[in-house]
Amino acid sequence: MKKSMTIKGIDDYYRAMNSELGLFEPSGTTLCYQIHPRFGKGFVERISLRQGVDICILTMELMRDLEFVCQMEETCFEILYCVRGQASYGDYEKGNKNTIQRNECDCWINEGGRNWLRFPGGVPWKSVSVSYGEGFIESFLEMASEQHDTERMKTALHSYHKRNERRYASSPDIELVFGQILNCSLQGIARLLYLESKAVEMFSLFIQNELVLQEPRRYRIYLSREDRLKLDRARNIIVDNMLNPLSISELSRELDLNTYKLKVGFKEMWGSTVFGYLRDMRMEKARFLLTGGRKSIIEVAQEVGYSNPSHFTAAFRRKYGINPHEYANQHRVLDR
């Protein structure tokens, strides 16, 4: 199944997906769409915020391949995180191909070019993306105190086109924000305000990564493409073994990567030690469980790999500046 469409902006994108592809069916009164049963299963939630900021949470499994060519007239910048599955995309005129898969992040700017996107059939897909309209970008650029900073920010944004081979090097901070967007349990206006703050935080982290952390982007040790792929895989292994984490030597053997390159390379790429990243992922999962308000502190501690509740409490307080019991009580009050 292959279609081609020319659209003006984000609103037209969703209308075109409905009218030309017949892919979505409106669900309820919110901006939520269900994948039409003729094509597969799943849903799309679209959250429209101020200044042209859009958040899209997409969960689906199609019965057959979906490929379409899209030309967007309005400028927008998009950051996407793949939670599950894989998809391909690229510049239609150039004919290049990029692939994004589980736990990978990428970004691109749309400025009128024709781009293609392909989702394979039979492969479960889940993603969360944040799109920033031209109004938001311009207002953000106006905040720069010096013209030099403005130009550097513009250069960073415009270096990401679907026609380019450049991939965005994500960071644990950005992945944490994506997780907070997905796991937000607030309702109504409180949810919208929270998600808007996360969208702004996401953009600021992008600017931080591009202009500060990665300029110049030099490794203290040489990392080949294969090394970087192994270090990316290390993050998946850490998350999958959160309850029974591998030691550095065990992880090194699993990846077929020497321990020095694992420790130094992981911190160079992701800005955190192996166990620092493990701790951050544990704390984020704990925060999500406590927000639900249905588990005791002991149960939460055990679910994130802490056999000693006092050690868990101390780690949570260091991360968030509040005891887990107090955090859970605050969210119980908010949810009433």
C-alpha atoms as a PDB file:
ATOM      1  CA  MET A   1       0.000   0.000   0.000  1.00  0.00           C
ATOM      2  CA  LYS A   2       1.651   3.210  -1.191  1.00  0.00           C
ATOM      3  CA  LYS A   3       0.178   6.719  -1.311  1.00  0.00           C
ATOM      4  CA  SER A   4       1.403  10.235  -2.043  1.00  0.00           C
ATOM      5  CA  MET A   5       0.104  13.433  -0.476  1.00  0.00           C
ATOM      6  CA  THR A   6       0.925  17.140  -0.292  1.00  0.00           C
ATOM      7  CA  ILE A   7      -0.107  18.807   2.938  1.00  0.00           C
ATOM      8  CA  LYS A   8       0.190  22.232   4.495  1.00  0.00           C
ATOM      9  CA  GLY A   9       0.846  21.405   8.139  1.00  0.00           C
ATOM     10  CA  ILE A  10       0.217  19.030  11.031  1.00  0.00           C
ATOM     11  CA  ASP A  11      -3.583  19.481  10.950  1.00  0.00           C
ATOM     12  CA  ASP A  12      -3.651  18.603   7.256  1.00  0.00           C
ATOM     13  CA  TYR A  13      -1.455  15.574   7.942  1.00  0.00           C
ATOM     14  CA  TYR A  14      -4.078  13.928  10.148  1.00  0.00           C
ATOM     15  CA  ARG A  15      -6.910  14.880   7.778  1.00  0.00           C
ATOM     16  CA  ALA A  16      -4.970  13.446   4.837  1.00  0.00           C
ATOM     17  CA  MET A  17      -4.230  10.219   6.685  1.00  0.00           C
ATOM     18  CA  ASN A  18      -7.974   9.857   7.261  1.00  0.00           C
ATOM     19  CA  SER A  19      -9.313  10.848   3.851  1.00  0.00           C
ATOM     20  CA  GLU A  20      -6.636   9.477   1.525  1.00  0.00           C
ATOM     21  CA  LEU A  21      -5.497   6.394   3.424  1.00  0.00           C
ATOM     22  CA  GLY A  22      -8.627   5.589   5.377  1.00  0.00           C
ATOM     23  CA  LEU A  23      -6.353   4.533   8.210  1.00  0.00           C
ATOM     24  CA  PHE A  24      -7.931   6.170  11.268  1.00  0.00           C
ATOM     25  CA  GLU A  25     -11.372   6.239  12.825  1.00  0.00           C
ATOM     26  CA  PRO A  26     -12.168   8.966  15.403  1.00  0.00           C
ATOM     27  CA  SER A  27     -12.429   7.596  18.935  1.00  0.00           C
ATOM     28  CA  GLY A  28     -14.486   9.590  21.423  1.00  0.00           C
ATOM     29  CA  THR A  29     -14.388  13.369  21.602  1.00  0.00           C
ATOM     30  CA  THR A  30     -10.641  13.735  22.150  1.00  0.00           C
ATOM     31  CA  LEU A  31      -7.909  13.819  19.520  1.00  0.00           C
ATOM     32  CA  CYS A  32      -7.584  10.077  19.581  1.00  0.00           C
ATOM     33  CA  TYR A  33      -7.869   7.806  16.550  1.00  0.00           C
ATOM     34  CA  GLN A  34      -8.244   4.067  16.258  1.00  0.00           C
ATOM     35  CA  ILE A  35      -6.546   2.167  13.438  1.00  0.00           C
ATOM     36  CA  HIS A  36      -9.255   0.945  11.072  1.00  0.00           C
ATOM     37  CA  PRO A  37      -9.752  -2.838  11.446  1.00  0.00           C
ATOM     38  CA  ARG A  38      -9.276  -3.236   7.680  1.00  0.00           C
ATOM     39  CA  PHE A  39      -5.637  -2.209   8.110  1.00  0.00           C
ATOM     40  CA  GLY A  40      -4.700  -3.552  11.540  1.00  0.00           C
ATOM     41  CA  LYS A  41      -5.095  -2.552  15.173  1.00  0.00           C
ATOM     42  CA  GLY A  42      -3.904   0.187  17.514  1.00  0.00           C
ATOM     43  CA  PHE A  43      -4.467   3.861  18.171  1.00  0.00           C
ATOM     44  CA  VAL A  44      -2.981   7.310  17.723  1.00  0.00           C
ATOM     45  CA  GLU A  45      -3.257  10.008  20.371  1.00  0.00           C
ATOM     46  CA  ARG A  46      -2.532  13.560  19.304  1.00  0.00           C
ATOM     47  CA  ILE A  47      -2.055  16.283  21.919  1.00  0.00           C
ATOM     48  CA  SER A  48      -2.078  19.813  20.454  1.00  0.00           C
ATOM     49  CA  LEU A  49      -0.402  22.403  22.656  1.00  0.00           C
ATOM     50  CA  ARG A  50       0.371  26.100  22.300  1.00  0.00           C
ATOM     51  CA  GLN A  51       2.600  27.737  19.659  1.00  0.00           C
ATOM     52  CA  GLY A  52       2.300  24.858  17.228  1.00  0.00           C
ATOM     53  CA  VAL A  53       3.667  22.141  19.532  1.00  0.00           C
ATOM     54  CA  ASP A  54       2.206  18.684  18.898  1.00  0.00           C
ATOM     55  CA  ILE A  55       2.778  15.401  20.744  1.00  0.00           C
ATOM     56  CA  CYS A  56       1.862  12.143  19.024  1.00  0.00           C
ATOM     57  CA  ILE A  57       1.729   8.733  20.743  1.00  0.00           C
ATOM     58  CA  LEU A  58       1.363   5.964  18.174  1.00  0.00           C
ATOM     59  CA  THR A  59       0.724   2.307  19.021  1.00  0.00           C
ATOM     60  CA  MET A  60      -0.194  -0.042  16.184  1.00  0.00           C
ATOM     61  CA  GLU A  61       0.343  -3.264  14.287  1.00  0.00           C
ATOM     62  CA  LEU A  62      -0.566  -3.185  10.588  1.00  0.00           C
ATOM     63  CA  MET A  63      -1.631  -6.239   8.595  1.00  0.00           C
ATOM     64  CA  ARG A  64       0.462  -5.190   5.583  1.00  0.00           C
ATOM     65  CA  ASP A  65       3.182  -2.698   4.716  1.00  0.00           C
ATOM     66  CA  LEU A  66       2.253   0.974   4.687  1.00  0.00           C
ATOM     67  CA  GLU A  67       4.409   3.360   2.651  1.00  0.00           C
ATOM     68  CA  PHE A  68       3.583   6.915   1.689  1.00  0.00           C
ATOM     69  CA  VAL A  69       5.259  10.028   0.305  1.00  0.00           C
ATOM     70  CA  CYS A  70       4.495  13.243   2.163  1.00  0.00           C
ATOM     71  CA  GLN A  71       5.297  16.854   1.321  1.00  0.00           C
ATOM     72  CA  MET A  72       4.690  19.336   4.141  1.00  0.00           C
ATOM     73  CA  GLU A  73       4.613  23.011   3.206  1.00  0.00           C
ATOM     74  CA  GLU A  74       4.886  24.474   6.703  1.00  0.00           C
ATOM     75  CA  THR A  75       8.211  24.298   8.539  1.00  0.00           C
ATOM     76  CA  CYS A  76       8.310  22.098  11.610  1.00  0.00           C
ATOM     77  CA  PHE A  77      10.956  20.279  13.629  1.00  0.00           C
ATOM     78  CA  GLU A  78      10.250  16.799  14.991  1.00  0.00           C
ATOM     79  CA  ILE A  79      11.945  14.586  17.574  1.00  0.00           C
ATOM     80  CA  LEU A  80      10.815  10.939  17.658  1.00  0.00           C
ATOM     81  CA  TYR A  81      11.575   8.078  20.039  1.00  0.00           C
ATOM     82  CA  CYS A  82      10.871   4.477  19.026  1.00  0.00           C
ATOM     83  CA  VAL A  83       9.663   2.421  21.988  1.00  0.00           C
ATOM     84  CA  ARG A  84       9.024  -0.758  19.987  1.00  0.00           C
ATOM     85  CA  GLY A  85       9.312  -1.971  16.379  1.00  0.00           C
ATOM     86  CA  GLN A  86      11.071  -0.422  13.407  1.00  0.00           C
ATOM     87  CA  ALA A  87      10.325   1.889  10.476  1.00  0.00           C
ATOM     88  CA  SER A  88      12.177   3.335   7.481  1.00  0.00           C
ATOM     89  CA  TYR A  89      12.176   6.852   6.084  1.00  0.00           C
ATOM     90  CA  GLY A  90      14.138   9.196   3.873  1.00  0.00           C
ATOM     91  CA  ASP A  91      14.158  11.900   1.222  1.00  0.00           C
ATOM     92  CA  TYR A  92      12.046  10.931  -1.784  1.00  0.00           C
ATOM     93  CA  GLU A  93      14.073  12.820  -4.386  1.00  0.00           C
ATOM     94  CA  LYS A  94      17.454  11.641  -3.118  1.00  0.00           C
ATOM     95  CA  GLY A  95      16.254   8.083  -2.546  1.00  0.00           C
ATOM     96  CA  ASN A  96      18.188   7.630   0.697  1.00  0.00           C
ATOM     97  CA  LYS A  97      17.067   5.333   3.502  1.00  0.00           C
ATOM     98  CA  ASN A  98      17.267   5.568   7.285  1.00  0.00           C
ATOM     99  CA  THR A  99      15.925   3.023   9.750  1.00  0.00           C
ATOM    100  CA  ILE A 100      14.815   3.644  13.316  1.00  0.00           C
ATOM    101  CA  GLN A 101      14.125   0.849  15.789  1.00  0.00           C
ATOM    102  CA  ARG A 102      13.574   0.112  19.470  1.00  0.00           C
ATOM    103  CA  ASN A 103      15.159   2.555  21.939  1.00  0.00           C
ATOM    104  CA  GLU A 104      16.456   4.783  19.146  1.00  0.00           C
ATOM    105  CA  CYS A 105      15.773   8.471  18.800  1.00  0.00           C
ATOM    106  CA  ASP A 106      15.997  10.679  15.728  1.00  0.00           C
ATOM    107  CA  CYS A 107      14.942  14.116  14.593  1.00  0.00           C
ATOM    108  CA  TRP A 108      14.459  16.047  11.368  1.00  0.00           C
ATOM    109  CA  ILE A 109      13.229  19.347  10.043  1.00  0.00           C
ATOM    110  CA  ASN A 110      10.517  19.545   7.378  1.00  0.00           C
ATOM    111  CA  GLU A 111      10.873  22.474   4.992  1.00  0.00           C
ATOM    112  CA  GLY A 112       8.808  21.616   1.946  1.00  0.00           C
ATOM    113  CA  GLY A 113      10.786  18.603   0.721  1.00  0.00           C
ATOM    114  CA  ARG A 114       9.153  15.334  -0.302  1.00  0.00           C
ATOM    115  CA  ASN A 115       9.825  12.596   2.231  1.00  0.00           C
ATOM    116  CA  TRP A 116       8.804   8.949   2.383  1.00  0.00           C
ATOM    117  CA  LEU A 117       7.926   6.769   5.365  1.00  0.00           C
ATOM    118  CA  ARG A 118       7.387   3.026   5.582  1.00  0.00           C
ATOM    119  CA  PHE A 119       5.920   0.874   8.380  1.00  0.00           C
ATOM    120  CA  PRO A 120       6.273  -2.904   7.838  1.00  0.00           C
ATOM    121  CA  GLY A 121       3.209  -5.081   8.256  1.00  0.00           C
ATOM    122  CA  GLY A 122       3.068  -7.609  11.094  1.00  0.00           C
ATOM    123  CA  VAL A 123       5.560  -5.673  13.255  1.00  0.00           C
ATOM    124  CA  PRO A 124       4.222  -4.051  16.469  1.00  0.00           C
ATOM    125  CA  TRP A 125       5.151  -0.371  16.610  1.00  0.00           C
ATOM    126  CA  LYS A 126       5.050   2.154  19.434  1.00  0.00           C
ATOM    127  CA  SER A 127       6.518   5.649  19.341  1.00  0.00           C
ATOM    128  CA  VAL A 128       6.200   9.077  20.886  1.00  0.00           C
ATOM    129  CA  SER A 129       7.131  12.196  18.934  1.00  0.00           C
ATOM    130  CA  VAL A 130       7.141  15.923  19.570  1.00  0.00           C
ATOM    131  CA  SER A 131       6.685  18.341  16.664  1.00  0.00           C
ATOM    132  CA  TYR A 132       7.564  22.039  16.958  1.00  0.00           C
ATOM    133  CA  GLY A 133       5.969  24.534  14.589  1.00  0.00           C
ATOM    134  CA  GLU A 134       7.737  27.550  13.144  1.00  0.00           C
ATOM    135  CA  GLY A 135       6.132  29.867  15.718  1.00  0.00           C
ATOM    136  CA  PHE A 136       7.622  27.931  18.621  1.00  0.00           C
ATOM    137  CA  ILE A 137      11.051  27.761  16.969  1.00  0.00           C
ATOM    138  CA  GLU A 138      11.105  31.500  16.294  1.00  0.00           C
ATOM    139  CA  SER A 139      10.040  32.350  19.854  1.00  0.00           C
ATOM    140  CA  PHE A 140      12.744  30.051  21.207  1.00  0.00           C
ATOM    141  CA  LEU A 141      15.397  31.612  18.981  1.00  0.00           C
ATOM    142  CA  GLU A 142      14.408  35.088  20.188  1.00  0.00           C
ATOM    143  CA  MET A 143      15.458  34.073  23.686  1.00  0.00           C
ATOM    144  CA  ALA A 144      19.111  33.817  22.621  1.00  0.00           C
ATOM    145  CA  SER A 145      21.088  36.702  24.099  1.00  0.00           C
ATOM    146  CA  GLU A 146      23.565  36.918  21.222  1.00  0.00           C
ATOM    147  CA  GLN A 147      23.189  36.718  17.453  1.00  0.00           C
ATOM    148  CA  HIS A 148      26.011  34.165  17.404  1.00  0.00           C
ATOM    149  CA  ASP A 149      23.959  31.803  19.579  1.00  0.00           C
ATOM    150  CA  THR A 150      20.916  32.259  17.347  1.00  0.00           C
ATOM    151  CA  GLU A 151      22.891  31.330  14.258  1.00  0.00           C
ATOM    152  CA  ARG A 152      24.377  28.279  15.959  1.00  0.00           C
ATOM    153  CA  MET A 153      20.903  27.116  16.974  1.00  0.00           C
ATOM    154  CA  LYS A 154      19.604  27.582  13.427  1.00  0.00           C
ATOM    155  CA  THR A 155      22.573  25.655  12.039  1.00  0.00           C
ATOM    156  CA  ALA A 156      21.935  22.787  14.468  1.00  0.00           C
ATOM    157  CA  LEU A 157      18.260  22.599  13.472  1.00  0.00           C
ATOM    158  CA  HIS A 158      18.842  22.815   9.738  1.00  0.00           C
ATOM    159  CA  SER A 159      21.510  20.122   9.794  1.00  0.00           C
ATOM    160  CA  TYR A 160      18.772  17.538  10.368  1.00  0.00           C
ATOM    161  CA  HIS A 161      16.950  16.818   7.125  1.00  0.00           C
ATOM    162  CA  LYS A 162      15.531  13.459   6.072  1.00  0.00           C
ATOM    163  CA  ARG A 163      17.745  13.780   3.030  1.00  0.00           C
ATOM    164  CA  ASN A 164      20.837  13.795   5.252  1.00  0.00           C
ATOM    165  CA  GLU A 165      22.568  10.710   6.593  1.00  0.00           C
ATOM    166  CA  ARG A 166      23.131  12.344   9.964  1.00  0.00           C
ATOM    167  CA  ARG A 167      21.482  10.601  12.918  1.00  0.00           C
ATOM    168  CA  TYR A 168      20.646  12.263  16.196  1.00  0.00           C
ATOM    169  CA  ALA A 169      22.743  11.018  19.125  1.00  0.00           C
ATOM    170  CA  SER A 170      20.215  10.771  21.940  1.00  0.00           C
ATOM    171  CA  SER A 171      20.971  10.965  25.666  1.00  0.00           C
ATOM    172  CA  PRO A 172      19.542   9.407  28.841  1.00  0.00           C
ATOM    173  CA  ASP A 173      18.039  12.809  29.749  1.00  0.00           C
ATOM    174  CA  ILE A 174      16.000  12.974  26.549  1.00  0.00           C
ATOM    175  CA  GLU A 175      14.901   9.348  26.844  1.00  0.00           C
ATOM    176  CA  LEU A 176      13.816  10.065  30.411  1.00  0.00           C
ATOM    177  CA  VAL A 177      11.579  12.921  29.204  1.00  0.00           C
ATOM    178  CA  PHE A 178       9.997  10.655  26.572  1.00  0.00           C
ATOM    179  CA  GLY A 179       9.284   8.132  29.333  1.00  0.00           C
ATOM    180  CA  GLN A 180       7.686  10.843  31.479  1.00  0.00           C
ATOM    181  CA  ILE A 181       5.430  11.854  28.569  1.00  0.00           C
ATOM    182  CA  LEU A 182       4.316   8.262  28.043  1.00  0.00           C
ATOM    183  CA  ASN A 183       3.758   7.574  31.746  1.00  0.00           C
ATOM    184  CA  CYS A 184       2.013  10.838  32.668  1.00  0.00           C
ATOM    185  CA  SER A 185      -1.041  10.003  34.813  1.00  0.00           C
ATOM    186  CA  LEU A 186      -2.397  13.552  35.224  1.00  0.00           C
ATOM    187  CA  GLN A 187      -5.741  14.514  33.722  1.00  0.00           C
ATOM    188  CA  GLY A 188      -7.288  17.550  32.047  1.00  0.00           C
ATOM    189  CA  ILE A 189      -5.492  20.883  32.086  1.00  0.00           C
ATOM    190  CA  ALA A 190      -2.893  19.548  34.538  1.00  0.00           C
ATOM    191  CA  ARG A 191      -1.849  16.955  31.954  1.00  0.00           C
ATOM    192  CA  LEU A 192      -1.645  19.550  29.166  1.00  0.00           C
ATOM    193  CA  LEU A 193       0.527  21.861  31.274  1.00  0.00           C
ATOM    194  CA  TYR A 194       2.775  18.975  32.275  1.00  0.00           C
ATOM    195  CA  LEU A 195       3.187  17.742  28.695  1.00  0.00           C
ATOM    196  CA  GLU A 196       3.867  21.262  27.450  1.00  0.00           C
ATOM    197  CA  SER A 197       6.635  21.638  30.035  1.00  0.00           C
ATOM    198  CA  LYS A 198       8.106  18.305  28.885  1.00  0.00           C
ATOM    199  CA  ALA A 199       8.019  19.426  25.238  1.00  0.00           C
ATOM    200  CA  VAL A 200       9.917  22.607  26.112  1.00  0.00           C
ATOM    201  CA  GLU A 201      12.375  20.593  28.219  1.00  0.00           C
ATOM    202  CA  MET A 202      12.900  18.227  25.290  1.00  0.00           C
ATOM    203  CA  PHE A 203      13.769  21.096  22.948  1.00  0.00           C
ATOM    204  CA  SER A 204      16.130  22.666  25.474  1.00  0.00           C
ATOM    205  CA  LEU A 205      17.920  19.335  25.929  1.00  0.00           C
ATOM    206  CA  PHE A 206      18.303  19.072  22.150  1.00  0.00           C
ATOM    207  CA  ILE A 207      19.908  22.519  22.077  1.00  0.00           C
ATOM    208  CA  GLN A 208      22.090  21.606  25.065  1.00  0.00           C
ATOM    209  CA  ASN A 209      23.264  18.390  23.407  1.00  0.00           C
ATOM    210  CA  GLU A 210      23.943  20.062  20.061  1.00  0.00           C
ATOM    211  CA  LEU A 211      25.598  23.292  21.166  1.00  0.00           C
ATOM    212  CA  VAL A 212      27.272  22.390  24.442  1.00  0.00           C
ATOM    213  CA  LEU A 213      27.811  18.684  25.043  1.00  0.00           C
ATOM    214  CA  GLN A 214      28.730  17.708  21.501  1.00  0.00           C
ATOM    215  CA  GLU A 215      30.777  20.670  20.333  1.00  0.00           C
ATOM    216  CA  PRO A 216      33.301  19.548  19.449  1.00  0.00           C
ATOM    217  CA  ARG A 217      32.121  15.916  19.428  1.00  0.00           C
ATOM    218  CA  ARG A 218      35.352  14.142  20.290  1.00  0.00           C
ATOM    219  CA  TYR A 219      35.720  10.823  22.082  1.00  0.00           C
ATOM    220  CA  ARG A 220      38.562  10.361  24.504  1.00  0.00           C
ATOM    221  CA  ILE A 221      38.891   6.877  23.037  1.00  0.00           C
ATOM    222  CA  TYR A 222      38.272   5.693  19.511  1.00  0.00           C
ATOM    223  CA  LEU A 223      34.827   4.152  19.054  1.00  0.00           C
ATOM    224  CA  SER A 224      34.120   2.382  15.800  1.00  0.00           C
ATOM    225  CA  ARG A 225      30.608   2.116  14.382  1.00  0.00           C
ATOM    226  CA  GLU A 226      30.447  -1.444  15.720  1.00  0.00           C
ATOM    227  CA  ASP A 227      31.516  -0.222  19.174  1.00  0.00           C
ATOM    228  CA  ARG A 228      28.743   2.385  19.186  1.00  0.00           C
ATOM    229  CA  LEU A 229      26.154  -0.207  18.152  1.00  0.00           C
ATOM    230  CA  LYS A 230      27.289  -2.439  21.025  1.00  0.00           C
ATOM    231  CA  LEU A 231      27.105   0.464  23.483  1.00  0.00           C
ATOM    232  CA  ASP A 232      23.612   1.242  22.244  1.00  0.00           C
ATOM    233  CA  ARG A 233      22.660  -2.401  22.797  1.00  0.00           C
ATOM    234  CA  ALA A 234      24.096  -2.131  26.322  1.00  0.00           C
ATOM    235  CA  ARG A 235      21.254   0.235  27.246  1.00  0.00           C
ATOM    236  CA  ASN A 236      18.651  -2.347  26.207  1.00  0.00           C
ATOM    237  CA  ILE A 237      20.374  -5.029  28.253  1.00  0.00           C
ATOM    238  CA  ILE A 238      20.494  -2.740  31.298  1.00  0.00           C
ATOM    239  CA  VAL A 239      16.750  -2.031  31.119  1.00  0.00           C
ATOM    240  CA  ASP A 240      15.830  -5.673  30.416  1.00  0.00           C
ATOM    241  CA  ASN A 241      17.847  -6.858  33.441  1.00  0.00           C
ATOM    242  CA  MET A 242      16.863  -4.137  35.883  1.00  0.00           C
ATOM    243  CA  LEU A 243      15.986  -6.578  38.678  1.00  0.00           C
ATOM    244  CA  ASN A 244      19.114  -8.671  38.268  1.00  0.00           C
ATOM    245  CA  PRO A 245      21.676  -6.379  36.635  1.00  0.00           C
ATOM    246  CA  LEU A 246      24.755  -7.794  34.997  1.00  0.00           C
ATOM    247  CA  SER A 247      28.140  -6.881  36.397  1.00  0.00           C
ATOM    248  CA  ILE A 248      30.512  -4.857  34.244  1.00  0.00           C
ATOM    249  CA  SER A 249      32.464  -7.998  33.388  1.00  0.00           C
ATOM    250  CA  GLU A 250      29.273  -9.942  32.532  1.00  0.00           C
ATOM    251  CA  LEU A 251      27.978  -7.092  30.381  1.00  0.00           C
ATOM    252  CA  SER A 252      31.369  -6.841  28.712  1.00  0.00           C
ATOM    253  CA  ARG A 253      31.275 -10.543  27.793  1.00  0.00           C
ATOM    254  CA  GLU A 254      27.680 -10.278  26.586  1.00  0.00           C
ATOM    255  CA  LEU A 255      28.610  -7.427  24.243  1.00  0.00           C
ATOM    256  CA  ASP A 256      32.031  -8.811  23.287  1.00  0.00           C
ATOM    257  CA  LEU A 257      33.527  -5.453  24.296  1.00  0.00           C
ATOM    258  CA  ASN A 258      36.426  -4.928  26.674  1.00  0.00           C
ATOM    259  CA  THR A 259      35.539  -3.460  30.073  1.00  0.00           C
ATOM    260  CA  TYR A 260      37.550  -0.259  29.611  1.00  0.00           C
ATOM    261  CA  LYS A 261      35.822   0.597  26.355  1.00  0.00           C
ATOM    262  CA  LEU A 262      32.452  -0.338  27.894  1.00  0.00           C
ATOM    263  CA  LYS A 263      32.887   1.960  30.897  1.00  0.00           C
ATOM    264  CA  VAL A 264      34.558   4.906  29.178  1.00  0.00           C
ATOM    265  CA  GLY A 265      32.656   4.586  25.903  1.00  0.00           C
ATOM    266  CA  PHE A 266      29.257   4.316  27.630  1.00  0.00           C
ATOM    267  CA  LYS A 267      29.862   7.530  29.546  1.00  0.00           C
ATOM    268  CA  GLU A 268      31.167   9.307  26.449  1.00  0.00           C
ATOM    269  CA  MET A 269      28.103   8.363  24.427  1.00  0.00           C
ATOM    270  CA  TRP A 270      25.338   8.638  27.012  1.00  0.00           C
ATOM    271  CA  GLY A 271      26.714  11.046  29.617  1.00  0.00           C
ATOM    272  CA  SER A 272      26.356   8.549  32.453  1.00  0.00           C
ATOM    273  CA  THR A 273      28.104   5.537  33.908  1.00  0.00           C
ATOM    274  CA  VAL A 274      26.573   2.114  33.345  1.00  0.00           C
ATOM    275  CA  PHE A 275      25.266   1.924  36.893  1.00  0.00           C
ATOM    276  CA  GLY A 276      24.274   5.596  36.886  1.00  0.00           C
ATOM    277  CA  TYR A 277      22.055   4.846  33.891  1.00  0.00           C
ATOM    278  CA  LEU A 278      20.644   1.768  35.667  1.00  0.00           C
ATOM    279  CA  ARG A 279      19.863   3.875  38.734  1.00  0.00           C
ATOM    280  CA  ASP A 280      18.107   6.547  36.643  1.00  0.00           C
ATOM    281  CA  MET A 281      15.943   3.942  34.899  1.00  0.00           C
ATOM    282  CA  ARG A 282      15.072   2.325  38.251  1.00  0.00           C
ATOM    283  CA  MET A 283      14.095   5.677  39.744  1.00  0.00           C
ATOM    284  CA  GLU A 284      11.947   6.597  36.751  1.00  0.00           C
ATOM    285  CA  LYS A 285      10.099   3.282  36.959  1.00  0.00           C
ATOM    286  CA  ALA A 286       9.692   3.784  40.722  1.00  0.00           C
ATOM    287  CA  ARG A 287       8.257   7.269  40.174  1.00  0.00           C
ATOM    288  CA  PHE A 288       5.738   5.824  37.715  1.00  0.00           C
ATOM    289  CA  LEU A 289       4.698   3.039  40.139  1.00  0.00           C
ATOM    290  CA  LEU A 290       4.336   5.490  43.026  1.00  0.00           C
ATOM    291  CA  THR A 291       2.199   7.803  40.891  1.00  0.00           C
ATOM    292  CA  GLY A 292      -0.309   4.986  40.540  1.00  0.00           C
ATOM    293  CA  GLY A 293      -0.648   4.927  44.320  1.00  0.00           C
ATOM    294  CA  ARG A 294      -1.539   1.232  44.478  1.00  0.00           C
ATOM    295  CA  LYS A 295       1.728  -0.235  45.778  1.00  0.00           C
ATOM    296  CA  SER A 296       3.568   0.089  49.062  1.00  0.00           C
ATOM    297  CA  ILE A 297       7.088   1.490  49.262  1.00  0.00           C
ATOM    298  CA  ILE A 298       8.426  -2.016  49.925  1.00  0.00           C
ATOM    299  CA  GLU A 299       6.662  -3.407  46.850  1.00  0.00           C
ATOM    300  CA  VAL A 300       7.953  -0.590  44.640  1.00  0.00           C
ATOM    301  CA  ALA A 301      11.478  -1.030  45.975  1.00  0.00           C
ATOM    302  CA  GLN A 302      11.402  -4.727  45.131  1.00  0.00           C
ATOM    303  CA  GLU A 303       9.973  -4.123  41.636  1.00  0.00           C
ATOM    304  CA  VAL A 304      12.877  -1.852  40.736  1.00  0.00           C
ATOM    305  CA  GLY A 305      15.569  -4.113  42.175  1.00  0.00           C
ATOM    306  CA  TYR A 306      16.113  -2.865  45.750  1.00  0.00           C
ATOM    307  CA  SER A 307      15.954  -5.564  48.421  1.00  0.00           C
ATOM    308  CA  ASN A 308      16.560  -2.965  51.155  1.00  0.00           C
ATOM    309  CA  PRO A 309      13.755  -0.331  51.309  1.00  0.00           C
ATOM    310  CA  SER A 310      15.969   2.165  53.153  1.00  0.00           C
ATOM    311  CA  HIS A 311      18.522   2.047  50.334  1.00  0.00           C
ATOM    312  CA  PHE A 312      15.699   2.639  47.861  1.00  0.00           C
ATOM    313  CA  THR A 313      14.380   5.589  49.893  1.00  0.00           C
ATOM    314  CA  ALA A 314      17.816   7.191  50.027  1.00  0.00           C
ATOM    315  CA  ALA A 315      18.338   6.754  46.257  1.00  0.00           C
ATOM    316  CA  PHE A 316      14.878   8.179  45.469  1.00  0.00           C
ATOM    317  CA  ARG A 317      15.468  11.192  47.721  1.00  0.00           C
ATOM    318  CA  ARG A 318      18.845  11.894  46.069  1.00  0.00           C
ATOM    319  CA  LYS A 319      17.215  11.758  42.629  1.00  0.00           C
ATOM    320  CA  TYR A 320      14.011  13.732  43.226  1.00  0.00           C
ATOM    321  CA  GLY A 321      14.632  15.615  46.486  1.00  0.00           C
ATOM    322  CA  ILE A 322      11.659  13.994  48.228  1.00  0.00           C
ATOM    323  CA  ASN A 323      10.994  10.731  50.054  1.00  0.00           C
ATOM    324  CA  PRO A 324       9.006   8.132  48.051  1.00  0.00           C
ATOM    325  CA  HIS A 325       6.293   8.030  50.753  1.00  0.00           C
ATOM    326  CA  GLU A 326       5.789  11.810  50.497  1.00  0.00           C
ATOM    327  CA  TYR A 327       5.813  11.631  46.696  1.00  0.00           C
ATOM    328  CA  ALA A 328       3.126   8.926  46.696  1.00  0.00           C
ATOM    329  CA  ASN A 329       0.956  10.896  49.150  1.00  0.00           C
ATOM    330  CA  GLN A 330       1.169  14.060  47.022  1.00  0.00           C
ATOM    331  CA  HIS A 331      -0.016  12.206  43.933  1.00  0.00           C
ATOM    332  CA  ARG A 332      -2.849  10.530  45.800  1.00  0.00           C
ATOM    333  CA  VAL A 333      -4.066  14.022  46.710  1.00  0.00           C
ATOM    334  CA  LEU A 334      -3.727  15.231  43.101  1.00  0.00           C
ATOM    335  CA  ASP A 335      -5.651  12.253  41.724  1.00  0.00           C
ATOM    336  CA  ARG A 336      -8.707  12.765  43.936  1.00  0.00           C
END
